[in-house]
Protein backbone atom coordinates (compact mmCIF):
# COMPACT_ATOMS: atom_id res chain seq x y z
CA GLN A 1 0.00 0.00 0.00
CA VAL A 2 1.05 3.57 -0.70
CA GLN A 3 -0.25 6.62 1.13
CA LEU A 4 -0.19 10.01 -0.58
CA VAL A 5 -0.72 13.34 1.16
CA GLU A 6 -0.99 16.57 -0.81
CA SER A 7 -0.36 20.05 0.51
CA GLY A 8 0.15 23.56 -0.80
CA GLY A 9 -3.23 24.39 -2.26
CA GLY A 10 -4.99 27.67 -1.60
CA LEU A 11 -6.42 30.85 -2.99
CA VAL A 12 -4.39 32.95 -5.42
CA GLN A 13 -5.03 35.81 -7.80
CA PRO A 14 -4.69 35.40 -11.57
CA GLY A 15 -1.05 35.50 -12.56
CA GLY A 16 0.06 34.19 -9.21
CA SER A 17 1.94 31.02 -8.29
CA LEU A 18 1.49 28.03 -6.02
CA ARG A 19 3.61 24.99 -5.27
CA LEU A 20 1.89 21.72 -4.51
CA SER A 21 3.63 18.90 -2.68
CA CYS A 22 2.79 15.21 -2.46
CA ALA A 23 4.44 13.13 0.24
CA ALA A 24 4.45 9.37 -0.31
CA SER A 25 4.77 6.71 2.37
CA GLY A 26 4.28 2.97 2.65
CA SER A 27 5.51 0.69 -0.15
CA ILE A 28 7.38 3.49 -1.86
CA PHE A 29 10.05 1.21 -3.29
CA SER A 30 7.56 -0.01 -5.89
CA ILE A 31 6.42 3.43 -7.09
CA ASN A 32 7.20 4.07 -10.73
CA THR A 33 5.13 6.82 -12.33
CA MET A 34 3.72 9.70 -10.30
CA GLY A 35 1.55 12.53 -11.43
CA TRP A 36 -0.97 15.25 -10.81
CA TYR A 37 -4.58 15.23 -11.92
CA ARG A 38 -7.24 17.86 -11.35
CA GLN A 39 -11.00 18.00 -11.29
CA ALA A 40 -12.97 21.20 -11.69
CA PRO A 41 -16.63 21.48 -10.62
CA GLY A 42 -18.88 19.71 -13.09
CA LYS A 43 -15.97 18.33 -15.10
CA GLU A 44 -14.16 15.02 -15.33
CA ARG A 45 -10.80 14.45 -13.70
CA GLU A 46 -8.01 15.31 -16.13
CA LEU A 47 -4.30 14.69 -16.30
CA VAL A 48 -2.10 17.68 -15.53
CA ALA A 49 1.42 16.22 -15.54
CA VAL A 50 3.25 12.96 -14.96
CA ILE A 51 6.83 12.08 -14.11
CA SER A 52 8.63 8.76 -14.27
CA ARG A 53 10.99 7.48 -11.61
CA ARG A 54 13.87 8.52 -13.83
CA GLY A 55 12.47 12.02 -14.26
CA SER A 56 10.85 11.92 -17.69
CA THR A 57 7.91 14.31 -17.77
CA SER A 58 4.76 14.93 -19.76
CA TYR A 59 2.24 17.77 -19.50
CA ALA A 60 -1.27 18.60 -20.58
CA ASP A 61 -1.24 21.19 -23.34
CA SER A 62 -3.17 23.61 -21.14
CA VAL A 63 -0.34 23.84 -18.59
CA LYS A 64 2.77 23.54 -20.76
CA GLY A 65 5.18 26.38 -20.11
CA ARG A 66 3.42 27.33 -16.86
CA PHE A 67 3.60 24.22 -14.65
CA THR A 68 6.64 22.17 -13.72
CA ILE A 69 6.49 18.71 -12.17
CA SER A 70 9.43 17.31 -10.22
CA ARG A 71 10.16 14.60 -7.69
CA ASP A 72 12.67 13.99 -4.94
CA ASN A 73 13.05 10.22 -4.76
CA ALA A 74 15.33 10.46 -1.71
CA ASN A 75 12.58 12.19 0.26
CA ASN A 76 9.64 10.44 -1.43
CA THR A 77 8.06 13.74 -2.42
CA MET A 78 6.67 15.07 -5.67
CA TYR A 79 6.03 18.71 -6.50
CA LEU A 80 4.01 20.78 -8.92
CA GLN A 81 5.18 24.35 -9.40
CA MET A 82 2.31 26.33 -10.93
CA ASN A 83 3.02 29.77 -12.38
CA ASN A 84 0.88 32.32 -14.19
CA LEU A 85 -2.29 30.75 -12.81
CA THR A 86 -5.63 31.52 -14.43
CA PRO A 87 -9.22 31.00 -13.23
CA GLU A 88 -9.37 27.97 -15.53
CA ASP A 89 -6.81 26.28 -13.24
CA THR A 90 -9.30 26.30 -10.38
CA ALA A 91 -9.85 22.68 -9.35
CA VAL A 92 -9.11 20.04 -6.76
CA TYR A 93 -5.64 18.70 -7.49
CA TYR A 94 -4.92 15.03 -6.83
CA CYS A 95 -1.61 13.27 -6.43
CA TYR A 96 -1.30 9.93 -8.19
CA ALA A 97 1.19 7.08 -7.92
CA GLN A 98 1.47 3.87 -9.88
CA THR A 99 3.30 0.89 -8.45
CA THR A 100 4.83 -1.99 -10.34
CA VAL A 101 4.84 -4.74 -7.71
CA PRO A 102 1.97 -5.34 -7.54
CA PRO A 103 0.63 -3.12 -10.33
CA SER A 104 -1.73 -0.70 -8.59
CA ASP A 105 -2.87 2.91 -8.64
CA PHE A 106 -3.04 5.13 -5.57
CA TRP A 107 -4.56 8.56 -5.02
CA GLY A 108 -4.24 11.32 -2.49
CA GLN A 109 -7.19 13.05 -0.88
CA GLY A 110 -6.85 16.17 -3.03
CA THR A 111 -6.00 19.78 -2.37
CA GLN A 112 -8.09 22.74 -3.51
CA VAL A 113 -6.64 25.41 -5.78
CA ALA A 114 -8.78 28.49 -6.39
CA VAL A 115 -7.75 31.28 -8.74
CA PHE A 116 -9.84 34.44 -8.78
CA SER A 117 -9.58 38.14 -8.26
């Protein structure tokens, strides 16, 4: 089992920045891919960014050039640096981890990000 705890959400004005963190615990040795998803009110959960254990990254087109995903394997923590935020980024952001042995998916409880004037 893997436990994921997000932090760093909050209220910010358009153009502002936030940094989300996701701390992993439990069977962390088997974690391969990690990522961030988000879900806005009335919408489906969507992928924001993913990062492999080796550091390869991929982003949704809507956040490219504004968001940066990173991970610190030594401290079992993943980050999402979000810059130039817009109201369209308002959502609950979820941390995600995929393990290889056994193959399973794990989710955090979510952290709210709200962007408005």
